[in-house]
Each structure stands twice: as C-alpha cells, then as structure tokens.
Amino acid sequence: SKNRLKKIIVSEGIRKIVGTGFAWVMADQVVLPE
C-alpha cells in the first residue's frame, strides 16, 4: 500500500483494459498504447 509507481507503460500491441483492470493502482502516470 506504500509502493507508488512513477509510471506504468502498457506496451504496444495490447488492445483492451477489461474488468477492474487498473482499479486501486497507485502510479504517477499510466501510458496507454496506440
């Protein structure tokens, strides 16, 4: 609960975020691909 990420990078090629995919995640930034 104290581990906050600076960035989450979702790699190119991934097409879907489903369900409660990133619910409750702790990060300064999330980068989603083209």
PDB file of all heavy atoms in Angstrom:
ATOM      1  N   SER A   1       0.804  -1.211   0.000  1.00  0.00           N
ATOM      2  CA  SER A   1       0.000   0.000   0.000  1.00  0.00           C
ATOM      3  C   SER A   1       0.845   1.272   0.000  1.00  0.00           C
ATOM      4  O   SER A   1       0.333   2.347  -0.271  1.00  0.00           O
ATOM      5  CB  SER A   1      -0.934  -0.005   1.212  1.00  0.00           C
ATOM      6  OG  SER A   1      -0.186  -0.083   2.411  1.00  0.00           O
ATOM      7  N   LYS A   2       2.141   1.178   0.306  1.00  0.00           N
ATOM      8  CA  LYS A   2       3.019   2.343   0.300  1.00  0.00           C
ATOM      9  C   LYS A   2       3.906   2.402  -0.940  1.00  0.00           C
ATOM     10  O   LYS A   2       4.705   3.320  -1.093  1.00  0.00           O
ATOM     11  CB  LYS A   2       3.892   2.334   1.551  1.00  0.00           C
ATOM     12  CG  LYS A   2       3.100   2.479   2.854  1.00  0.00           C
ATOM     13  CD  LYS A   2       4.026   2.507   4.058  1.00  0.00           C
ATOM     14  CE  LYS A   2       3.232   2.651   5.354  1.00  0.00           C
ATOM     15  NZ  LYS A   2       4.117   2.666   6.547  1.00  0.00           N
ATOM     16  N   ASN A   3       3.773   1.416  -1.826  1.00  0.00           N
ATOM     17  CA  ASN A   3       4.601   1.349  -3.029  1.00  0.00           C
ATOM     18  C   ASN A   3       3.886   2.048  -4.182  1.00  0.00           C
ATOM     19  O   ASN A   3       2.986   1.484  -4.799  1.00  0.00           O
ATOM     20  CB  ASN A   3       4.891  -0.105  -3.384  1.00  0.00           C
ATOM     21  CG  ASN A   3       5.498  -0.265  -4.771  1.00  0.00           C
ATOM     22  OD1 ASN A   3       4.945  -0.977  -5.600  1.00  0.00           O
ATOM     23  ND2 ASN A   3       6.608   0.383  -5.020  1.00  0.00           N
ATOM     24  N   ARG A   4       4.270   3.314  -4.465  1.00  0.00           N
ATOM     25  CA  ARG A   4       3.663   4.075  -5.551  1.00  0.00           C
ATOM     26  C   ARG A   4       4.618   4.093  -6.739  1.00  0.00           C
ATOM     27  O   ARG A   4       5.785   4.480  -6.613  1.00  0.00           O
ATOM     28  CB  ARG A   4       3.351   5.501  -5.108  1.00  0.00           C
ATOM     29  CG  ARG A   4       2.653   6.329  -6.182  1.00  0.00           C
ATOM     30  CD  ARG A   4       2.329   7.720  -5.686  1.00  0.00           C
ATOM     31  NE  ARG A   4       1.606   8.473  -6.713  1.00  0.00           N
ATOM     32  CZ  ARG A   4       0.296   8.438  -6.888  1.00  0.00           C
ATOM     33  NH1 ARG A   4      -0.438   7.671  -6.100  1.00  0.00           N
ATOM     34  NH2 ARG A   4      -0.295   9.143  -7.827  1.00  0.00           N
ATOM     35  N   LEU A   5       4.129   3.692  -7.897  1.00  0.00           N
ATOM     36  CA  LEU A   5       4.941   3.645  -9.103  1.00  0.00           C
ATOM     37  C   LEU A   5       5.028   5.028  -9.748  1.00  0.00           C
ATOM     38  O   LEU A   5       4.063   5.798  -9.704  1.00  0.00           O
ATOM     39  CB  LEU A   5       4.340   2.655 -10.100  1.00  0.00           C
ATOM     40  CG  LEU A   5       4.313   1.189  -9.651  1.00  0.00           C
ATOM     41  CD1 LEU A   5       3.305   0.393 -10.453  1.00  0.00           C
ATOM     42  CD2 LEU A   5       5.705   0.579  -9.781  1.00  0.00           C
ATOM     43  N   LYS A   6       6.162   5.334 -10.368  1.00  0.00           N
ATOM     44  CA  LYS A   6       6.271   6.577 -11.123  1.00  0.00           C
ATOM     45  C   LYS A   6       5.497   6.487 -12.430  1.00  0.00           C
ATOM     46  O   LYS A   6       4.867   7.449 -12.857  1.00  0.00           O
ATOM     47  CB  LYS A   6       7.749   6.903 -11.402  1.00  0.00           C
ATOM     48  CG  LYS A   6       8.513   7.397 -10.193  1.00  0.00           C
ATOM     49  CD  LYS A   6       9.917   7.829 -10.588  1.00  0.00           C
ATOM     50  CE  LYS A   6      10.666   8.392  -9.377  1.00  0.00           C
ATOM     51  NZ  LYS A   6      12.052   8.801  -9.750  1.00  0.00           N
ATOM     52  N   LYS A   7       5.565   5.317 -13.058  1.00  0.00           N
ATOM     53  CA  LYS A   7       4.909   5.190 -14.356  1.00  0.00           C
ATOM     54  C   LYS A   7       4.555   3.733 -14.625  1.00  0.00           C
ATOM     55  O   LYS A   7       5.288   2.826 -14.249  1.00  0.00           O
ATOM     56  CB  LYS A   7       5.826   5.707 -15.474  1.00  0.00           C
ATOM     57  CG  LYS A   7       5.203   5.735 -16.862  1.00  0.00           C
ATOM     58  CD  LYS A   7       6.189   6.230 -17.911  1.00  0.00           C
ATOM     59  CE  LYS A   7       6.498   7.695 -17.725  1.00  0.00           C
ATOM     60  NZ  LYS A   7       7.333   8.213 -18.858  1.00  0.00           N
ATOM     61  N   ILE A   8       3.411   3.538 -15.254  1.00  0.00           N
ATOM     62  CA  ILE A   8       3.032   2.235 -15.809  1.00  0.00           C
ATOM     63  C   ILE A   8       2.939   2.410 -17.314  1.00  0.00           C
ATOM     64  O   ILE A   8       2.217   3.289 -17.801  1.00  0.00           O
ATOM     65  CB  ILE A   8       1.693   1.735 -15.252  1.00  0.00           C
ATOM     66  CG1 ILE A   8       1.795   1.508 -13.749  1.00  0.00           C
ATOM     67  CG2 ILE A   8       1.262   0.443 -15.951  1.00  0.00           C
ATOM     68  CD1 ILE A   8       0.480   1.093 -13.108  1.00  0.00           C
ATOM     69  N   ILE A   9       3.669   1.595 -18.045  1.00  0.00           N
ATOM     70  CA  ILE A   9       3.667   1.652 -19.502  1.00  0.00           C
ATOM     71  C   ILE A   9       3.009   0.386 -20.034  1.00  0.00           C
ATOM     72  O   ILE A   9       3.493  -0.724 -19.796  1.00  0.00           O
ATOM     73  CB  ILE A   9       5.095   1.784 -20.071  1.00  0.00           C
ATOM     74  CG1 ILE A   9       5.751   3.065 -19.558  1.00  0.00           C
ATOM     75  CG2 ILE A   9       5.063   1.770 -21.600  1.00  0.00           C
ATOM     76  CD1 ILE A   9       7.216   3.203 -19.943  1.00  0.00           C
ATOM     77  N   VAL A  10       1.890   0.539 -20.727  1.00  0.00           N
ATOM     78  CA  VAL A  10       1.220  -0.586 -21.364  1.00  0.00           C
ATOM     79  C   VAL A  10       1.786  -0.708 -22.784  1.00  0.00           C
ATOM     80  O   VAL A  10       1.655   0.218 -23.585  1.00  0.00           O
ATOM     81  CB  VAL A  10      -0.305  -0.388 -21.396  1.00  0.00           C
ATOM     82  CG1 VAL A  10      -0.989  -1.578 -22.060  1.00  0.00           C
ATOM     83  CG2 VAL A  10      -0.841  -0.193 -19.972  1.00  0.00           C
ATOM     84  N   SER A  11       2.416  -1.822 -23.082  1.00  0.00           N
ATOM     85  CA  SER A  11       3.168  -1.962 -24.334  1.00  0.00           C
ATOM     86  C   SER A  11       2.276  -1.958 -25.566  1.00  0.00           C
ATOM     87  O   SER A  11       1.091  -2.327 -25.514  1.00  0.00           O
ATOM     88  CB  SER A  11       3.983  -3.256 -24.301  1.00  0.00           C
ATOM     89  OG  SER A  11       5.004  -3.182 -23.335  1.00  0.00           O
ATOM     90  N   GLU A  12       2.874  -1.556 -26.666  1.00  0.00           N
ATOM     91  CA  GLU A  12       2.191  -1.549 -27.949  1.00  0.00           C
ATOM     92  C   GLU A  12       1.775  -2.972 -28.318  1.00  0.00           C
ATOM     93  O   GLU A  12       2.515  -3.920 -28.089  1.00  0.00           O
ATOM     94  CB  GLU A  12       3.119  -0.975 -29.026  1.00  0.00           C
ATOM     95  CG  GLU A  12       2.424  -0.539 -30.287  1.00  0.00           C
ATOM     96  CD  GLU A  12       1.446   0.604 -30.043  1.00  0.00           C
ATOM     97  OE1 GLU A  12       1.819   1.570 -29.335  1.00  0.00           O
ATOM     98  OE2 GLU A  12       0.313   0.523 -30.548  1.00  0.00           O
ATOM     99  N   GLY A  13       0.586  -3.097 -28.872  1.00  0.00           N
ATOM    100  CA  GLY A  13       0.046  -4.404 -29.233  1.00  0.00           C
ATOM    101  C   GLY A  13      -1.100  -4.829 -28.329  1.00  0.00           C
ATOM    102  O   GLY A  13      -1.980  -5.590 -28.737  1.00  0.00           O
ATOM    103  N   ILE A  14      -1.109  -4.332 -27.086  1.00  0.00           N
ATOM    104  CA  ILE A  14      -2.190  -4.643 -26.148  1.00  0.00           C
ATOM    105  C   ILE A  14      -3.413  -3.810 -26.536  1.00  0.00           C
ATOM    106  O   ILE A  14      -3.318  -2.608 -26.767  1.00  0.00           O
ATOM    107  CB  ILE A  14      -1.763  -4.353 -24.700  1.00  0.00           C
ATOM    108  CG1 ILE A  14      -0.597  -5.288 -24.325  1.00  0.00           C
ATOM    109  CG2 ILE A  14      -2.930  -4.527 -23.743  1.00  0.00           C
ATOM    110  CD1 ILE A  14       0.002  -5.016 -22.978  1.00  0.00           C
ATOM    111  N   ARG A  15      -4.581  -4.475 -26.593  1.00  0.00           N
ATOM    112  CA  ARG A  15      -5.766  -3.834 -27.165  1.00  0.00           C
ATOM    113  C   ARG A  15      -6.857  -3.489 -26.154  1.00  0.00           C
ATOM    114  O   ARG A  15      -7.696  -2.638 -26.431  1.00  0.00           O
ATOM    115  CB  ARG A  15      -6.368  -4.722 -28.269  1.00  0.00           C
ATOM    116  CG  ARG A  15      -5.462  -4.841 -29.497  1.00  0.00           C
ATOM    117  CD  ARG A  15      -6.156  -5.571 -30.627  1.00  0.00           C
ATOM    118  NE  ARG A  15      -7.437  -4.984 -30.991  1.00  0.00           N
ATOM    119  CZ  ARG A  15      -7.590  -3.893 -31.737  1.00  0.00           C
ATOM    120  NH1 ARG A  15      -6.513  -3.246 -32.180  1.00  0.00           N
ATOM    121  NH2 ARG A  15      -8.791  -3.441 -32.029  1.00  0.00           N
ATOM    122  N   LYS A  16      -6.871  -4.142 -24.993  1.00  0.00           N
ATOM    123  CA  LYS A  16      -8.001  -3.936 -24.090  1.00  0.00           C
ATOM    124  C   LYS A  16      -7.569  -3.831 -22.625  1.00  0.00           C
ATOM    125  O   LYS A  16      -6.671  -4.546 -22.195  1.00  0.00           O
ATOM    126  CB  LYS A  16      -9.009  -5.082 -24.225  1.00  0.00           C
ATOM    127  CG  LYS A  16      -9.710  -5.164 -25.569  1.00  0.00           C
ATOM    128  CD  LYS A  16     -10.718  -6.308 -25.573  1.00  0.00           C
ATOM    129  CE  LYS A  16     -11.462  -6.396 -26.899  1.00  0.00           C
ATOM    130  NZ  LYS A  16     -12.454  -7.501 -26.891  1.00  0.00           N
ATOM    131  N   ILE A  17      -8.244  -2.946 -21.884  1.00  0.00           N
ATOM    132  CA  ILE A  17      -8.214  -2.934 -20.426  1.00  0.00           C
ATOM    133  C   ILE A  17      -9.609  -3.385 -20.000  1.00  0.00           C
ATOM    134  O   ILE A  17     -10.603  -2.719 -20.321  1.00  0.00           O
ATOM    135  CB  ILE A  17      -7.922  -1.536 -19.856  1.00  0.00           C
ATOM    136  CG1 ILE A  17      -6.699  -0.903 -20.532  1.00  0.00           C
ATOM    137  CG2 ILE A  17      -7.753  -1.601 -18.343  1.00  0.00           C
ATOM    138  CD1 ILE A  17      -5.416  -1.632 -20.295  1.00  0.00           C
ATOM    139  N   VAL A  18      -9.732  -4.513 -19.323  1.00  0.00           N
ATOM    140  CA  VAL A  18     -11.045  -5.099 -19.056  1.00  0.00           C
ATOM    141  C   VAL A  18     -11.309  -5.233 -17.557  1.00  0.00           C
ATOM    142  O   VAL A  18     -10.389  -5.214 -16.737  1.00  0.00           O
ATOM    143  CB  VAL A  18     -11.176  -6.493 -19.725  1.00  0.00           C
ATOM    144  CG1 VAL A  18     -11.054  -6.377 -21.229  1.00  0.00           C
ATOM    145  CG2 VAL A  18     -10.125  -7.459 -19.185  1.00  0.00           C
ATOM    146  N   GLY A  19     -12.594  -5.394 -17.212  1.00  0.00           N
ATOM    147  CA  GLY A  19     -12.977  -5.558 -15.823  1.00  0.00           C
ATOM    148  C   GLY A  19     -12.475  -4.402 -14.974  1.00  0.00           C
ATOM    149  O   GLY A  19     -12.470  -3.242 -15.391  1.00  0.00           O
ATOM    150  N   THR A  20     -12.042  -4.707 -13.779  1.00  0.00           N
ATOM    151  CA  THR A  20     -11.464  -3.696 -12.895  1.00  0.00           C
ATOM    152  C   THR A  20      -9.944  -3.704 -13.040  1.00  0.00           C
ATOM    153  O   THR A  20      -9.198  -3.801 -12.070  1.00  0.00           O
ATOM    154  CB  THR A  20     -11.874  -3.964 -11.429  1.00  0.00           C
ATOM    155  OG1 THR A  20     -11.639  -5.345 -11.125  1.00  0.00           O
ATOM    156  CG2 THR A  20     -13.338  -3.673 -11.215  1.00  0.00           C
ATOM    157  N   GLY A  21      -9.502  -3.592 -14.286  1.00  0.00           N
ATOM    158  CA  GLY A  21      -8.099  -3.771 -14.636  1.00  0.00           C
ATOM    159  C   GLY A  21      -7.110  -2.961 -13.840  1.00  0.00           C
ATOM    160  O   GLY A  21      -6.155  -3.495 -13.278  1.00  0.00           O
ATOM    161  N   PHE A  22      -7.304  -1.636 -13.769  1.00  0.00           N
ATOM    162  CA  PHE A  22      -6.378  -0.766 -13.041  1.00  0.00           C
ATOM    163  C   PHE A  22      -7.041  -0.132 -11.820  1.00  0.00           C
ATOM    164  O   PHE A  22      -6.587   0.905 -11.335  1.00  0.00           O
ATOM    165  CB  PHE A  22      -5.819   0.310 -13.962  1.00  0.00           C
ATOM    166  CG  PHE A  22      -4.740  -0.191 -14.883  1.00  0.00           C
ATOM    167  CD1 PHE A  22      -4.807   0.039 -16.248  1.00  0.00           C
ATOM    168  CD2 PHE A  22      -3.665  -0.903 -14.383  1.00  0.00           C
ATOM    169  CE1 PHE A  22      -3.816  -0.424 -17.101  1.00  0.00           C
ATOM    170  CE2 PHE A  22      -2.672  -1.371 -15.229  1.00  0.00           C
ATOM    171  CZ  PHE A  22      -2.747  -1.128 -16.594  1.00  0.00           C
ATOM    172  N   ALA A  23      -8.095  -0.748 -11.332  1.00  0.00           N
ATOM    173  CA  ALA A  23      -8.711  -0.241 -10.110  1.00  0.00           C
ATOM    174  C   ALA A  23      -7.702  -0.324  -8.963  1.00  0.00           C
ATOM    175  O   ALA A  23      -6.966  -1.299  -8.847  1.00  0.00           O
ATOM    176  CB  ALA A  23      -9.953  -1.060  -9.776  1.00  0.00           C
ATOM    177  N   TRP A  24      -7.626   0.726  -8.157  1.00  0.00           N
ATOM    178  CA  TRP A  24      -6.793   0.816  -6.952  1.00  0.00           C
ATOM    179  C   TRP A  24      -5.290   0.882  -7.223  1.00  0.00           C
ATOM    180  O   TRP A  24      -4.503   0.904  -6.293  1.00  0.00           O
ATOM    181  CB  TRP A  24      -7.077  -0.355  -5.996  1.00  0.00           C
ATOM    182  CG  TRP A  24      -8.532  -0.626  -5.902  1.00  0.00           C
ATOM    183  CD1 TRP A  24      -9.477   0.169  -5.304  1.00  0.00           C
ATOM    184  CD2 TRP A  24      -9.229  -1.715  -6.459  1.00  0.00           C
ATOM    185  NE1 TRP A  24     -10.719  -0.379  -5.461  1.00  0.00           N
ATOM    186  CE2 TRP A  24     -10.600  -1.544  -6.168  1.00  0.00           C
ATOM    187  CE3 TRP A  24      -8.846  -2.847  -7.179  1.00  0.00           C
ATOM    188  CZ2 TRP A  24     -11.582  -2.439  -6.567  1.00  0.00           C
ATOM    189  CZ3 TRP A  24      -9.820  -3.750  -7.586  1.00  0.00           C
ATOM    190  CH2 TRP A  24     -11.166  -3.531  -7.277  1.00  0.00           C
ATOM    191  N   VAL A  25      -4.869   0.951  -8.483  1.00  0.00           N
ATOM    192  CA  VAL A  25      -3.447   1.057  -8.759  1.00  0.00           C
ATOM    193  C   VAL A  25      -2.941   2.416  -8.293  1.00  0.00           C
ATOM    194  O   VAL A  25      -3.660   3.410  -8.330  1.00  0.00           O
ATOM    195  CB  VAL A  25      -3.151   0.854 -10.264  1.00  0.00           C
ATOM    196  CG1 VAL A  25      -3.667   2.027 -11.080  1.00  0.00           C
ATOM    197  CG2 VAL A  25      -1.658   0.671 -10.510  1.00  0.00           C
ATOM    198  N   MET A  26      -1.688   2.455  -7.834  1.00  0.00           N
ATOM    199  CA  MET A  26      -1.074   3.703  -7.379  1.00  0.00           C
ATOM    200  C   MET A  26       0.115   4.019  -8.278  1.00  0.00           C
ATOM    201  O   MET A  26       1.117   3.299  -8.274  1.00  0.00           O
ATOM    202  CB  MET A  26      -0.615   3.558  -5.928  1.00  0.00           C
ATOM    203  CG  MET A  26      -1.757   3.314  -4.955  1.00  0.00           C
ATOM    204  SD  MET A  26      -1.197   3.159  -3.235  1.00  0.00           S
ATOM    205  CE  MET A  26      -0.266   1.626  -3.320  1.00  0.00           C
ATOM    206  N   ALA A  27      -0.001   5.086  -9.071  1.00  0.00           N
ATOM    207  CA  ALA A  27       1.060   5.463 -10.001  1.00  0.00           C
ATOM    208  C   ALA A  27       0.921   6.938 -10.354  1.00  0.00           C
ATOM    209  O   ALA A  27      -0.193   7.470 -10.415  1.00  0.00           O
ATOM    210  CB  ALA A  27       1.000   4.616 -11.262  1.00  0.00           C
ATOM    211  N   ASP A  28       2.046   7.588 -10.606  1.00  0.00           N
ATOM    212  CA  ASP A  28       2.000   8.986 -11.035  1.00  0.00           C
ATOM    213  C   ASP A  28       1.408   9.109 -12.430  1.00  0.00           C
ATOM    214  O   ASP A  28       0.700  10.068 -12.735  1.00  0.00           O
ATOM    215  CB  ASP A  28       3.405   9.596 -11.021  1.00  0.00           C
ATOM    216  CG  ASP A  28       3.973   9.713  -9.611  1.00  0.00           C
ATOM    217  OD1 ASP A  28       3.173   9.725  -8.651  1.00  0.00           O
ATOM    218  OD2 ASP A  28       5.208   9.778  -9.474  1.00  0.00           O
ATOM    219  N   GLN A  29       1.711   8.119 -13.294  1.00  0.00           N
ATOM    220  CA  GLN A  29       1.266   8.198 -14.684  1.00  0.00           C
ATOM    221  C   GLN A  29       1.043   6.808 -15.257  1.00  0.00           C
ATOM    222  O   GLN A  29       1.764   5.864 -14.937  1.00  0.00           O
ATOM    223  CB  GLN A  29       2.305   8.952 -15.518  1.00  0.00           C
ATOM    224  CG  GLN A  29       1.893   9.261 -16.942  1.00  0.00           C
ATOM    225  CD  GLN A  29       2.943  10.063 -17.687  1.00  0.00           C
ATOM    226  OE1 GLN A  29       3.796   9.518 -18.387  1.00  0.00           O
ATOM    227  NE2 GLN A  29       2.889  11.377 -17.540  1.00  0.00           N
ATOM    228  N   VAL A  30       0.028   6.690 -16.114  1.00  0.00           N
ATOM    229  CA  VAL A  30      -0.211   5.476 -16.884  1.00  0.00           C
ATOM    230  C   VAL A  30      -0.220   5.859 -18.355  1.00  0.00           C
ATOM    231  O   VAL A  30      -0.947   6.783 -18.761  1.00  0.00           O
ATOM    232  CB  VAL A  30      -1.542   4.803 -16.514  1.00  0.00           C
ATOM    233  CG1 VAL A  30      -1.847   3.642 -17.461  1.00  0.00           C
ATOM    234  CG2 VAL A  30      -1.506   4.286 -15.072  1.00  0.00           C
ATOM    235  N   VAL A  31       0.588   5.178 -19.156  1.00  0.00           N
ATOM    236  CA  VAL A  31       0.695   5.462 -20.586  1.00  0.00           C
ATOM    237  C   VAL A  31       0.076   4.297 -21.352  1.00  0.00           C
ATOM    238  O   VAL A  31       0.517   3.153 -21.235  1.00  0.00           O
ATOM    239  CB  VAL A  31       2.165   5.661 -21.022  1.00  0.00           C
ATOM    240  CG1 VAL A  31       2.231   5.949 -22.517  1.00  0.00           C
ATOM    241  CG2 VAL A  31       2.800   6.800 -20.223  1.00  0.00           C
ATOM    242  N   LEU A  32      -0.968   4.596 -22.137  1.00  0.00           N
ATOM    243  CA  LEU A  32      -1.697   3.582 -22.892  1.00  0.00           C
ATOM    244  C   LEU A  32      -1.294   3.649 -24.369  1.00  0.00           C
ATOM    245  O   LEU A  32      -1.137   4.742 -24.913  1.00  0.00           O
ATOM    246  CB  LEU A  32      -3.204   3.790 -22.738  1.00  0.00           C
ATOM    247  CG  LEU A  32      -3.702   3.784 -21.281  1.00  0.00           C
ATOM    248  CD1 LEU A  32      -5.187   4.138 -21.223  1.00  0.00           C
ATOM    249  CD2 LEU A  32      -3.448   2.435 -20.624  1.00  0.00           C
ATOM    250  N   PRO A  33      -1.153   2.514 -25.048  1.00  0.00           N
ATOM    251  CA  PRO A  33      -0.554   2.482 -26.387  1.00  0.00           C
ATOM    252  C   PRO A  33      -1.511   2.894 -27.502  1.00  0.00           C
ATOM    253  O   PRO A  33      -2.738   2.957 -27.314  1.00  0.00           O
ATOM    254  CB  PRO A  33      -0.164   1.006 -26.538  1.00  0.00           C
ATOM    255  CG  PRO A  33      -1.213   0.276 -25.755  1.00  0.00           C
ATOM    256  CD  PRO A  33      -1.489   1.156 -24.561  1.00  0.00           C
ATOM    257  N   GLU A  34      -0.955   3.147 -28.681  1.00  0.00           N
ATOM    258  CA  GLU A  34      -1.757   3.441 -29.868  1.00  0.00           C
ATOM    259  C   GLU A  34      -2.659   2.283 -30.238  1.00  0.00           C
ATOM    260  O   GLU A  34      -3.739   2.470 -30.803  1.00  0.00           O
ATOM    261  CB  GLU A  34      -0.847   3.793 -31.049  1.00  0.00           C
ATOM    262  CG  GLU A  34      -0.140   5.127 -30.932  1.00  0.00           C
ATOM    263  CD  GLU A  34       0.631   5.480 -32.189  1.00  0.00           C
ATOM    264  OE1 GLU A  34       0.142   5.136 -33.298  1.00  0.00           O
ATOM    265  OE2 GLU A  34       1.715   6.075 -32.086  1.00  0.00           O
TER     266      GLU A  34
END
